[in-house]
PDB file of N, CA and C in Angstrom:
ATOM      1  N   UNK A   1      13.837  10.428  -9.402  1.00  0.00           N
ATOM      2  CA  UNK A   1      14.408  10.082  -7.965  1.00  0.00           C
ATOM      3  C   UNK A   1      14.706  11.353  -6.896  1.00  0.00           C
ATOM      4  N   UNK A   2      13.851  12.671  -7.288  1.00  0.00           N
ATOM      5  CA  UNK A   2      13.492  13.413  -6.499  1.00  0.00           C
ATOM      6  C   UNK A   2      12.203  13.426  -5.362  1.00  0.00           C
ATOM      7  N   UNK A   3      12.244  13.642  -4.211  1.00  0.00           N
ATOM      8  CA  UNK A   3      10.867  13.824  -3.318  1.00  0.00           C
ATOM      9  C   UNK A   3       9.909  14.638  -3.879  1.00  0.00           C
ATOM     10  N   UNK A   4       8.955  14.152  -3.760  1.00  0.00           N
ATOM     11  CA  UNK A   4       7.799  15.099  -3.845  1.00  0.00           C
ATOM     12  C   UNK A   4       7.081  15.471  -2.442  1.00  0.00           C
ATOM     13  N   UNK A   5       6.647  16.474  -2.588  1.00  0.00           N
ATOM     14  CA  UNK A   5       5.867  17.242  -1.132  1.00  0.00           C
ATOM     15  C   UNK A   5       4.801  16.124  -1.156  1.00  0.00           C
ATOM     16  N   UNK A   6       4.317  15.962   0.206  1.00  0.00           N
ATOM     17  CA  UNK A   6       3.185  15.208   0.241  1.00  0.00           C
ATOM     18  C   UNK A   6       2.338  15.864   1.321  1.00  0.00           C
ATOM     19  N   UNK A   7       0.929  15.593   1.262  1.00  0.00           N
ATOM     20  CA  UNK A   7       0.339  16.087   2.069  1.00  0.00           C
ATOM     21  C   UNK A   7       0.332  16.138   3.621  1.00  0.00           C
ATOM     22  N   UNK A   8      -0.684  16.424   4.499  1.00  0.00           N
ATOM     23  CA  UNK A   8      -0.757  16.272   5.805  1.00  0.00           C
ATOM     24  C   UNK A   8      -1.064  14.654   6.083  1.00  0.00           C
ATOM     25  N   UNK A   9      -0.235  14.306   7.079  1.00  0.00           N
ATOM     26  CA  UNK A   9      -1.308  12.566   7.286  1.00  0.00           C
ATOM     27  C   UNK A   9      -2.587  12.396   7.446  1.00  0.00           C
ATOM     28  N   UNK A  10      -2.945  11.492   6.964  1.00  0.00           N
ATOM     29  CA  UNK A  10      -4.270  10.993   6.896  1.00  0.00           C
ATOM     30  C   UNK A  10      -4.620  10.275   8.279  1.00  0.00           C
ATOM     31  N   UNK A  11      -6.137  10.134   8.803  1.00  0.00           N
ATOM     32  CA  UNK A  11      -6.054   9.177   9.756  1.00  0.00           C
ATOM     33  C   UNK A  11      -6.368   7.408   9.196  1.00  0.00           C
ATOM     34  N   UNK A  12      -5.361   6.729   9.703  1.00  0.00           N
ATOM     35  CA  UNK A  12      -5.574   5.292   9.489  1.00  0.00           C
ATOM     36  C   UNK A  12      -7.018   4.376   9.780  1.00  0.00           C
ATOM     37  N   UNK A  13      -7.525   4.147   8.976  1.00  0.00           N
ATOM     38  CA  UNK A  13      -8.921   3.337   9.072  1.00  0.00           C
ATOM     39  C   UNK A  13      -8.355   1.881   8.762  1.00  0.00           C
ATOM     40  N   UNK A  14      -7.807   1.003   9.124  1.00  0.00           N
ATOM     41  CA  UNK A  14      -7.460  -0.378   8.989  1.00  0.00           C
ATOM     42  C   UNK A  14      -8.283  -0.581   9.699  1.00  0.00           C
ATOM     43  N   UNK A  15      -9.142  -0.082  10.917  1.00  0.00           N
ATOM     44  CA  UNK A  15     -10.353  -1.057  11.178  1.00  0.00           C
ATOM     45  C   UNK A  15     -11.759  -1.008  10.425  1.00  0.00           C
ATOM     46  N   UNK A  16     -11.669  -0.716   9.178  1.00  0.00           N
ATOM     47  CA  UNK A  16     -12.374  -0.661   8.645  1.00  0.00           C
ATOM     48  C   UNK A  16     -13.026  -2.343   8.059  1.00  0.00           C
ATOM     49  N   UNK A  17     -12.536  -2.897   8.219  1.00  0.00           N
ATOM     50  CA  UNK A  17     -13.139  -4.938   8.432  1.00  0.00           C
ATOM     51  C   UNK A  17     -11.973  -5.143   7.070  1.00  0.00           C
ATOM     52  N   UNK A  18     -11.621  -4.287   6.318  1.00  0.00           N
ATOM     53  CA  UNK A  18     -11.149  -4.768   4.880  1.00  0.00           C
ATOM     54  C   UNK A  18      -9.647  -5.803   5.353  1.00  0.00           C
ATOM     55  N   UNK A  19      -9.657  -6.825   4.536  1.00  0.00           N
ATOM     56  CA  UNK A  19      -8.143  -7.461   4.786  1.00  0.00           C
ATOM     57  C   UNK A  19      -7.169  -7.394   3.690  1.00  0.00           C
ATOM     58  N   UNK A  20      -5.776  -7.313   4.343  1.00  0.00           N
ATOM     59  CA  UNK A  20      -4.556  -7.317   3.165  1.00  0.00           C
ATOM     60  C   UNK A  20      -4.264  -8.664   2.650  1.00  0.00           C
ATOM     61  N   UNK A  21      -5.355  -8.957   1.399  1.00  0.00           N
ATOM     62  CA  UNK A  21      -5.313 -10.349   1.045  1.00  0.00           C
ATOM     63  C   UNK A  21      -4.668  -9.945  -0.301  1.00  0.00           C
ATOM     64  N   UNK A  22      -4.523 -10.883  -1.463  1.00  0.00           N
ATOM     65  CA  UNK A  22      -3.771 -10.682  -2.196  1.00  0.00           C
ATOM     66  C   UNK A  22      -5.008  -9.798  -3.449  1.00  0.00           C
ATOM     67  N   UNK A  23      -4.273  -8.974  -4.183  1.00  0.00           N
ATOM     68  CA  UNK A  23      -5.022  -7.942  -4.898  1.00  0.00           C
ATOM     69  C   UNK A  23      -5.751  -6.845  -4.620  1.00  0.00           C
ATOM     70  N   UNK A  24      -5.302  -6.366  -3.243  1.00  0.00           N
ATOM     71  CA  UNK A  24      -6.014  -5.594  -2.184  1.00  0.00           C
ATOM     72  C   UNK A  24      -4.716  -4.188  -2.401  1.00  0.00           C
ATOM     73  N   UNK A  25      -5.361  -2.596  -2.404  1.00  0.00           N
ATOM     74  CA  UNK A  25      -4.294  -1.883  -2.303  1.00  0.00           C
ATOM     75  C   UNK A  25      -4.350  -1.219  -0.948  1.00  0.00           C
ATOM     76  N   UNK A  26      -3.242  -0.878  -0.667  1.00  0.00           N
ATOM     77  CA  UNK A  26      -3.250  -0.317   0.870  1.00  0.00           C
ATOM     78  C   UNK A  26      -2.408   0.729   1.132  1.00  0.00           C
ATOM     79  N   UNK A  27      -3.075   1.979   1.986  1.00  0.00           N
ATOM     80  CA  UNK A  27      -2.049   3.037   2.187  1.00  0.00           C
ATOM     81  C   UNK A  27      -0.876   2.120   3.046  1.00  0.00           C
ATOM     82  N   UNK A  28       0.198   2.903   3.079  1.00  0.00           N
ATOM     83  CA  UNK A  28       1.685   2.645   2.932  1.00  0.00           C
ATOM     84  C   UNK A  28       1.660   3.416   4.266  1.00  0.00           C
ATOM     85  N   UNK A  29       2.590   3.258   5.235  1.00  0.00           N
ATOM     86  CA  UNK A  29       3.029   4.658   6.308  1.00  0.00           C
ATOM     87  C   UNK A  29       3.691   3.779   7.152  1.00  0.00           C
ATOM     88  N   UNK A  30       4.601   4.952   8.172  1.00  0.00           N
ATOM     89  CA  UNK A  30       5.654   4.307   8.842  1.00  0.00           C
ATOM     90  C   UNK A  30       5.178   3.411  10.174  1.00  0.00           C
ATOM     91  N   UNK A  31       5.951   2.644  10.189  1.00  0.00           N
ATOM     92  CA  UNK A  31       5.642   1.158  11.080  1.00  0.00           C
ATOM     93  C   UNK A  31       5.248   1.603  12.389  1.00  0.00           C
ATOM     94  N   UNK A  32       5.910   2.819  12.765  1.00  0.00           N
ATOM     95  CA  UNK A  32       5.554   3.149  14.276  1.00  0.00           C
ATOM     96  C   UNK A  32       5.080   4.171  14.773  1.00  0.00           C
ATOM     97  N   UNK A  33       4.118   4.902  13.194  1.00  0.00           N
ATOM     98  CA  UNK A  33       3.014   5.795  13.681  1.00  0.00           C
ATOM     99  C   UNK A  33       1.892   5.283  12.886  1.00  0.00           C
ATOM    100  N   UNK A  34       0.737   5.514  13.820  1.00  0.00           N
ATOM    101  CA  UNK A  34      -0.804   4.638  13.014  1.00  0.00           C
ATOM    102  C   UNK A  34      -1.173   5.955  12.178  1.00  0.00           C
ATOM    103  N   UNK A  35      -1.169   6.962  12.388  1.00  0.00           N
ATOM    104  CA  UNK A  35      -1.755   7.493  11.556  1.00  0.00           C
ATOM    105  C   UNK A  35      -0.857   8.504  10.769  1.00  0.00           C
ATOM    106  N   UNK A  36       0.054   7.957   9.794  1.00  0.00           N
ATOM    107  CA  UNK A  36       1.160   8.547   8.971  1.00  0.00           C
ATOM    108  C   UNK A  36       0.991   8.678   7.897  1.00  0.00           C
ATOM    109  N   UNK A  37      -0.359   7.821   7.175  1.00  0.00           N
ATOM    110  CA  UNK A  37      -0.295   7.675   5.586  1.00  0.00           C
ATOM    111  C   UNK A  37      -0.257   8.890   4.794  1.00  0.00           C
ATOM    112  N   UNK A  38       0.556   9.193   3.992  1.00  0.00           N
ATOM    113  CA  UNK A  38       0.205  10.388   3.159  1.00  0.00           C
ATOM    114  C   UNK A  38      -0.101   9.976   1.703  1.00  0.00           C
ATOM    115  N   UNK A  39       1.019   9.911   0.761  1.00  0.00           N
ATOM    116  CA  UNK A  39       0.618   9.536  -0.742  1.00  0.00           C
ATOM    117  C   UNK A  39       1.165   8.216  -1.238  1.00  0.00           C
ATOM    118  N   UNK A  40       1.897   7.457  -0.267  1.00  0.00           N
ATOM    119  CA  UNK A  40       2.207   6.442  -0.975  1.00  0.00           C
ATOM    120  C   UNK A  40       1.225   4.953  -0.619  1.00  0.00           C
ATOM    121  N   UNK A  41       0.974   3.817  -1.535  1.00  0.00           N
ATOM    122  CA  UNK A  41       0.116   3.064  -1.546  1.00  0.00           C
ATOM    123  C   UNK A  41       0.729   1.845  -1.737  1.00  0.00           C
ATOM    124  N   UNK A  42       0.311   0.610  -1.530  1.00  0.00           N
ATOM    125  CA  UNK A  42       1.042  -0.758  -2.420  1.00  0.00           C
ATOM    126  C   UNK A  42       0.003  -1.733  -2.585  1.00  0.00           C
ATOM    127  N   UNK A  43       0.227  -2.466  -3.383  1.00  0.00           N
ATOM    128  CA  UNK A  43      -0.638  -3.493  -3.960  1.00  0.00           C
ATOM    129  C   UNK A  43      -0.352  -4.774  -3.316  1.00  0.00           C
ATOM    130  N   UNK A  44      -1.133  -5.752  -2.612  1.00  0.00           N
ATOM    131  CA  UNK A  44      -0.585  -6.799  -1.881  1.00  0.00           C
ATOM    132  C   UNK A  44      -0.347  -7.643  -3.019  1.00  0.00           C
ATOM    133  N   UNK A  45       0.764  -8.364  -3.361  1.00  0.00           N
ATOM    134  CA  UNK A  45       0.788  -9.661  -3.738  1.00  0.00           C
ATOM    135  C   UNK A  45       0.765 -10.829  -3.736  1.00  0.00           C
ATOM    136  N   UNK A  46       0.493 -10.719  -2.339  1.00  0.00           N
ATOM    137  CA  UNK A  46       0.242 -12.084  -1.581  1.00  0.00           C
ATOM    138  C   UNK A  46      -0.822 -11.804  -0.454  1.00  0.00           C
ATOM    139  N   UNK A  47      -1.484 -13.194   0.344  1.00  0.00           N
ATOM    140  CA  UNK A  47      -2.052 -12.253   1.426  1.00  0.00           C
ATOM    141  C   UNK A  47      -1.484 -12.137   2.586  1.00  0.00           C
ATOM    142  N   UNK A  48      -1.573 -11.100   3.326  1.00  0.00           N
ATOM    143  CA  UNK A  48      -0.497 -10.423   4.378  1.00  0.00           C
ATOM    144  C   UNK A  48      -1.645 -10.230   5.800  1.00  0.00           C
ATOM    145  N   UNK A  49      -1.523 -11.188   6.509  1.00  0.00           N
ATOM    146  CA  UNK A  49      -2.779 -11.100   7.715  1.00  0.00           C
ATOM    147  C   UNK A  49      -1.500 -10.410   8.440  1.00  0.00           C
ATOM    148  N   UNK A  50      -0.405 -10.638   7.964  1.00  0.00           N
ATOM    149  CA  UNK A  50       0.443  -9.693   9.640  1.00  0.00           C
ATOM    150  C   UNK A  50      -0.155  -8.417   9.155  1.00  0.00           C
ATOM    151  N   UNK A  51      -0.464  -7.824   8.571  1.00  0.00           N
ATOM    152  CA  UNK A  51      -0.454  -6.359   8.000  1.00  0.00           C
ATOM    153  C   UNK A  51      -2.563  -5.887   8.528  1.00  0.00           C
ATOM    154  N   UNK A  52      -2.849  -6.577   8.779  1.00  0.00           N
ATOM    155  CA  UNK A  52      -4.038  -6.820   9.309  1.00  0.00           C
ATOM    156  C   UNK A  52      -4.137  -5.962  10.346  1.00  0.00           C
ATOM    157  N   UNK A  53      -5.761  -4.944  10.634  1.00  0.00           N
ATOM    158  CA  UNK A  53      -6.069  -4.590  11.973  1.00  0.00           C
ATOM    159  C   UNK A  53      -6.478  -5.843  13.175  1.00  0.00           C
ATOM    160  N   UNK A  54      -5.572  -5.209  14.091  1.00  0.00           N
ATOM    161  CA  UNK A  54      -5.838  -6.703  15.515  1.00  0.00           C
ATOM    162  C   UNK A  54      -6.568  -6.010  16.517  1.00  0.00           C
ATOM    163  N   UNK A  55      -5.830  -4.800  16.677  1.00  0.00           N
ATOM    164  CA  UNK A  55      -6.501  -4.056  17.693  1.00  0.00           C
ATOM    165  C   UNK A  55      -5.926  -2.654  17.535  1.00  0.00           C
ATOM    166  N   UNK A  56      -6.474  -1.412  18.704  1.00  0.00           N
ATOM    167  CA  UNK A  56      -6.025  -0.225  18.100  1.00  0.00           C
ATOM    168  C   UNK A  56      -4.813   0.260  18.958  1.00  0.00           C
ATOM    169  N   UNK A  57      -3.828  -0.971  19.533  1.00  0.00           N
ATOM    170  CA  UNK A  57      -2.738  -0.319  19.891  1.00  0.00           C
ATOM    171  C   UNK A  57      -1.990   0.103  18.613  1.00  0.00           C
ATOM    172  N   UNK A  58      -0.526   0.499  18.955  1.00  0.00           N
ATOM    173  CA  UNK A  58       0.130   1.114  18.153  1.00  0.00           C
ATOM    174  C   UNK A  58       0.617   0.166  17.291  1.00  0.00           C
ATOM    175  N   UNK A  59       1.202  -1.211  17.992  1.00  0.00           N
ATOM    176  CA  UNK A  59       1.838  -2.352  17.473  1.00  0.00           C
ATOM    177  C   UNK A  59       0.934  -2.697  16.173  1.00  0.00           C
ATOM    178  N   UNK A  60      -0.198  -3.115  16.497  1.00  0.00           N
ATOM    179  CA  UNK A  60      -1.228  -3.763  15.737  1.00  0.00           C
ATOM    180  C   UNK A  60      -2.269  -3.133  15.465  1.00  0.00           C
ATOM    181  N   UNK A  61      -2.330  -1.916  15.002  1.00  0.00           N
ATOM    182  CA  UNK A  61      -3.486  -1.239  14.642  1.00  0.00           C
ATOM    183  C   UNK A  61      -3.549  -1.584  12.896  1.00  0.00           C
ATOM    184  N   UNK A  62      -2.509  -2.118  12.075  1.00  0.00           N
ATOM    185  CA  UNK A  62      -2.386  -2.628  10.692  1.00  0.00           C
ATOM    186  C   UNK A  62      -2.613  -1.594  10.120  1.00  0.00           C
ATOM    187  N   UNK A  63      -2.685  -1.935   8.348  1.00  0.00           N
ATOM    188  CA  UNK A  63      -2.789  -1.414   7.301  1.00  0.00           C
ATOM    189  C   UNK A  63      -3.813  -1.050   6.452  1.00  0.00           C
ATOM    190  N   UNK A  64      -4.391   0.163   6.495  1.00  0.00           N
ATOM    191  CA  UNK A  64      -5.709   0.383   5.668  1.00  0.00           C
ATOM    192  C   UNK A  64      -5.923   0.013   4.119  1.00  0.00           C
ATOM    193  N   UNK A  65      -6.784  -0.786   4.175  1.00  0.00           N
ATOM    194  CA  UNK A  65      -6.939  -1.253   2.426  1.00  0.00           C
ATOM    195  C   UNK A  65      -8.223  -0.520   2.172  1.00  0.00           C
ATOM    196  N   UNK A  66      -8.007  -0.179   0.868  1.00  0.00           N
ATOM    197  CA  UNK A  66      -9.120   1.014   0.524  1.00  0.00           C
ATOM    198  C   UNK A  66      -9.332   0.518  -0.952  1.00  0.00           C
ATOM    199  N   UNK A  67      -8.921  -0.781  -1.604  1.00  0.00           N
ATOM    200  CA  UNK A  67      -9.309  -0.979  -2.933  1.00  0.00           C
ATOM    201  C   UNK A  67      -8.799  -1.844  -3.387  1.00  0.00           C
ATOM    202  N   UNK A  68      -8.933  -2.238  -4.706  1.00  0.00           N
ATOM    203  CA  UNK A  68      -8.672  -3.929  -5.012  1.00  0.00           C
ATOM    204  C   UNK A  68      -8.608  -3.750  -6.256  1.00  0.00           C
ATOM    205  N   UNK A  69      -7.261  -4.514  -7.077  1.00  0.00           N
ATOM    206  CA  UNK A  69      -7.117  -4.095  -8.313  1.00  0.00           C
ATOM    207  C   UNK A  69      -8.119  -5.173  -9.135  1.00  0.00           C
ATOM    208  N   UNK A  70      -8.836  -4.999  -9.971  1.00  0.00           N
ATOM    209  CA  UNK A  70     -10.172  -5.519 -10.230  1.00  0.00           C
ATOM    210  C   UNK A  70      -9.746  -6.444 -12.358  1.00  0.00           C
ATOM    211  N   UNK A  71      -8.623  -5.726 -12.407  1.00  0.00           N
ATOM    212  CA  UNK A  71      -8.228  -6.088 -13.852  1.00  0.00           C
ATOM    213  C   UNK A  71      -6.589  -5.622 -13.515  1.00  0.00           C
ATOM    214  N   UNK A  72      -5.629  -6.504 -14.354  1.00  0.00           N
ATOM    215  CA  UNK A  72      -4.675  -6.061 -14.636  1.00  0.00           C
ATOM    216  C   UNK A  72      -3.753  -6.933 -13.317  1.00  0.00           C
ATOM    217  N   UNK A  73      -3.932  -7.576 -12.590  1.00  0.00           N
ATOM    218  CA  UNK A  73      -3.168  -7.868 -11.518  1.00  0.00           C
ATOM    219  C   UNK A  73      -1.574  -8.632 -12.241  1.00  0.00           C
ATOM    220  N   UNK A  74      -2.027  -8.985 -13.481  1.00  0.00           N
ATOM    221  CA  UNK A  74      -0.341  -9.283 -14.161  1.00  0.00           C
ATOM    222  C   UNK A  74       0.526  -8.103 -14.151  1.00  0.00           C
ATOM    223  N   UNK A  75      -0.065  -7.191 -14.564  1.00  0.00           N
ATOM    224  CA  UNK A  75       0.664  -6.356 -14.683  1.00  0.00           C
ATOM    225  C   UNK A  75       1.371  -5.479 -13.106  1.00  0.00           C
ATOM    226  N   UNK A  76       0.580  -6.033 -12.057  1.00  0.00           N
ATOM    227  CA  UNK A  76       1.047  -5.694 -10.895  1.00  0.00           C
ATOM    228  C   UNK A  76       2.229  -6.923 -10.064  1.00  0.00           C
ATOM    229  N   UNK A  77       2.088  -7.844 -10.902  1.00  0.00           N
ATOM    230  CA  UNK A  77       2.969  -9.019 -10.419  1.00  0.00           C
ATOM    231  C   UNK A  77       4.245  -8.803 -11.296  1.00  0.00           C
ATOM    232  N   UNK A  78       4.490  -8.606 -12.435  1.00  0.00           N
ATOM    233  CA  UNK A  78       5.502  -7.435 -13.051  1.00  0.00           C
ATOM    234  C   UNK A  78       6.277  -6.695 -12.490  1.00  0.00           C
ATOM    235  N   UNK A  79       5.179  -5.649 -12.099  1.00  0.00           N
ATOM    236  CA  UNK A  79       6.307  -4.422 -10.994  1.00  0.00           C
ATOM    237  C   UNK A  79       6.813  -4.887  -9.730  1.00  0.00           C
ATOM    238  N   UNK A  80       6.343  -6.091  -9.343  1.00  0.00           N
ATOM    239  CA  UNK A  80       6.215  -6.549  -8.244  1.00  0.00           C
ATOM    240  C   UNK A  80       7.710  -7.550  -7.690  1.00  0.00           C
ATOM    241  N   UNK A  81       8.102  -7.686  -9.503  1.00  0.00           N
ATOM    242  CA  UNK A  81       9.616  -8.432  -9.830  1.00  0.00           C
ATOM    243  C   UNK A  81      10.491  -7.425 -10.161  1.00  0.00           C
ATOM    244  N   UNK A  82      10.464  -5.953 -10.535  1.00  0.00           N
ATOM    245  CA  UNK A  82      11.806  -5.315 -10.430  1.00  0.00           C
ATOM    246  C   UNK A  82      12.258  -5.208  -9.361  1.00  0.00           C
ATOM    247  N   UNK A  83      13.971  -5.526  -9.795  1.00  0.00           N
ATOM    248  CA  UNK A  83      14.798  -5.107  -8.337  1.00  0.00           C
ATOM    249  C   UNK A  83      14.561  -3.398  -7.433  1.00  0.00           C
ATOM    250  N   UNK A  84      14.617  -4.135  -6.434  1.00  0.00           N
ATOM    251  CA  UNK A  84      14.503  -2.814  -5.169  1.00  0.00           C
ATOM    252  C   UNK A  84      15.978  -2.863  -4.494  1.00  0.00           C
ATOM    253  N   UNK A  85      16.227  -1.333  -4.738  1.00  0.00           N
ATOM    254  CA  UNK A  85      17.474  -0.956  -3.712  1.00  0.00           C
ATOM    255  C   UNK A  85      16.916  -1.025  -2.349  1.00  0.00           C
ATOM    256  N   UNK A  86      18.052  -2.082  -1.386  1.00  0.00           N
ATOM    257  CA  UNK A  86      17.966  -2.120   0.168  1.00  0.00           C
ATOM    258  C   UNK A  86      17.917  -1.488   0.583  1.00  0.00           C
ATOM    259  N   UNK A  87      18.723  -0.119   0.589  1.00  0.00           N
ATOM    260  CA  UNK A  87      18.841   0.646   1.301  1.00  0.00           C
ATOM    261  C   UNK A  87      18.044   1.636   1.462  1.00  0.00           C
ATOM    262  N   UNK A  88      17.482   2.055  -0.059  1.00  0.00           N
ATOM    263  CA  UNK A  88      16.051   3.144  -0.215  1.00  0.00           C
ATOM    264  C   UNK A  88      15.017   2.473  -0.140  1.00  0.00           C
ATOM    265  N   UNK A  89      14.700   1.331  -0.735  1.00  0.00           N
ATOM    266  CA  UNK A  89      13.255   0.429  -0.815  1.00  0.00           C
ATOM    267  C   UNK A  89      12.666   1.489  -2.172  1.00  0.00           C
ATOM    268  N   UNK A  90      13.759   1.740  -3.141  1.00  0.00           N
ATOM    269  CA  UNK A  90      13.133   2.293  -4.167  1.00  0.00           C
ATOM    270  C   UNK A  90      13.242   1.612  -5.396  1.00  0.00           C
ATOM    271  N   UNK A  91      12.318   1.491  -6.301  1.00  0.00           N
ATOM    272  CA  UNK A  91      12.997   0.290  -7.761  1.00  0.00           C
ATOM    273  C   UNK A  91      14.349   0.929  -8.205  1.00  0.00           C
ATOM    274  N   UNK A  92      14.971  -0.390  -8.793  1.00  0.00           N
ATOM    275  CA  UNK A  92      16.181   0.113  -9.384  1.00  0.00           C
ATOM    276  C   UNK A  92      15.847   0.497 -11.211  1.00  0.00           C
ATOM    277  N   UNK A  93      14.539   0.415 -11.206  1.00  0.00           N
ATOM    278  CA  UNK A  93      14.383   0.826 -12.532  1.00  0.00           C
ATOM    279  C   UNK A  93      13.246   1.591 -12.536  1.00  0.00           C
ATOM    280  N   UNK A  94      12.820   2.541 -13.589  1.00  0.00           N
ATOM    281  CA  UNK A  94      11.564   3.656 -13.320  1.00  0.00           C
ATOM    282  C   UNK A  94      10.431   2.862 -13.550  1.00  0.00           C
ATOM    283  N   UNK A  95       9.439   2.867 -12.578  1.00  0.00           N
ATOM    284  CA  UNK A  95       8.057   1.740 -13.065  1.00  0.00           C
ATOM    285  C   UNK A  95       6.962   3.259 -12.710  1.00  0.00           C
ATOM    286  N   UNK A  96       6.379   3.006 -14.240  1.00  0.00           N
ATOM    287  CA  UNK A  96       5.720   4.521 -14.128  1.00  0.00           C
ATOM    288  C   UNK A  96       3.957   3.754 -14.449  1.00  0.00           C
ATOM    289  N   UNK A  97       2.995   4.213 -13.669  1.00  0.00           N
ATOM    290  CA  UNK A  97       1.583   4.209 -13.620  1.00  0.00           C
ATOM    291  C   UNK A  97       1.198   5.265 -14.475  1.00  0.00           C
ATOM    292  N   UNK A  98       0.533   4.666 -15.505  1.00  0.00           N
ATOM    293  CA  UNK A  98       0.153   5.851 -16.566  1.00  0.00           C
ATOM    294  C   UNK A  98      -1.288   6.014 -16.750  1.00  0.00           C
ATOM    295  N   UNK A  99      -2.378   4.985 -16.375  1.00  0.00           N
ATOM    296  CA  UNK A  99      -3.872   4.817 -16.014  1.00  0.00           C
ATOM    297  C   UNK A  99      -4.167   4.185 -14.932  1.00  0.00           C
ATOM    298  N   UNK A 100      -5.003   4.813 -14.444  1.00  0.00           N
ATOM    299  CA  UNK A 100      -5.812   4.325 -13.032  1.00  0.00           C
ATOM    300  C   UNK A 100      -6.940   4.917 -13.149  1.00  0.00           C
ATOM    301  N   UNK A 101      -7.736   3.647 -13.334  1.00  0.00           N
ATOM    302  CA  UNK A 101      -9.254   3.636 -13.422  1.00  0.00           C
ATOM    303  C   UNK A 101      -9.986   3.393 -12.177  1.00  0.00           C
ATOM    304  N   UNK A 102     -11.180   4.680 -11.479  1.00  0.00           N
ATOM    305  CA  UNK A 102     -11.703   4.018 -10.373  1.00  0.00           C
ATOM    306  C   UNK A 102     -13.152   3.153 -10.825  1.00  0.00           C
ATOM    307  N   UNK A 103     -13.538   2.588 -10.391  1.00  0.00           N
ATOM    308  CA  UNK A 103     -14.732   1.742 -10.258  1.00  0.00           C
ATOM    309  C   UNK A 103     -15.267   1.449  -9.367  1.00  0.00           C
ATOM    310  N   UNK A 104     -16.627   1.528  -9.242  1.00  0.00           N
ATOM    311  CA  UNK A 104     -17.576   1.311  -8.245  1.00  0.00           C
ATOM    312  C   UNK A 104     -17.956   0.142  -8.452  1.00  0.00           C
ATOM    313  N   UNK A 105     -18.388  -0.971  -7.529  1.00  0.00           N
ATOM    314  CA  UNK A 105     -18.983  -1.830  -7.401  1.00  0.00           C
ATOM    315  C   UNK A 105     -20.197  -1.753  -6.911  1.00  0.00           C
TER     316      UNK A 105
END
């Protein structure tokens, strides 16, 4: 549970037309800073239209979807059931992703 140094924030591209649907992978960011994504991401376990880009205002810019789980959604569901510390938002037990394969469509 030691923080790791992250890189510089990247530009939020939530306006790319992709939606936060179940199984998509999106960049995490500070809710009040549009261009604050660095190294954290999340997998949508349900359709999350409230995270989609609505317009270019800070309040409704959205969260950028950049990928999709094409195999192993059952594993993502299991990870989603791990209890989370309410103060830190960290899992109460270690979750390690050992392999990720980049697939092109």
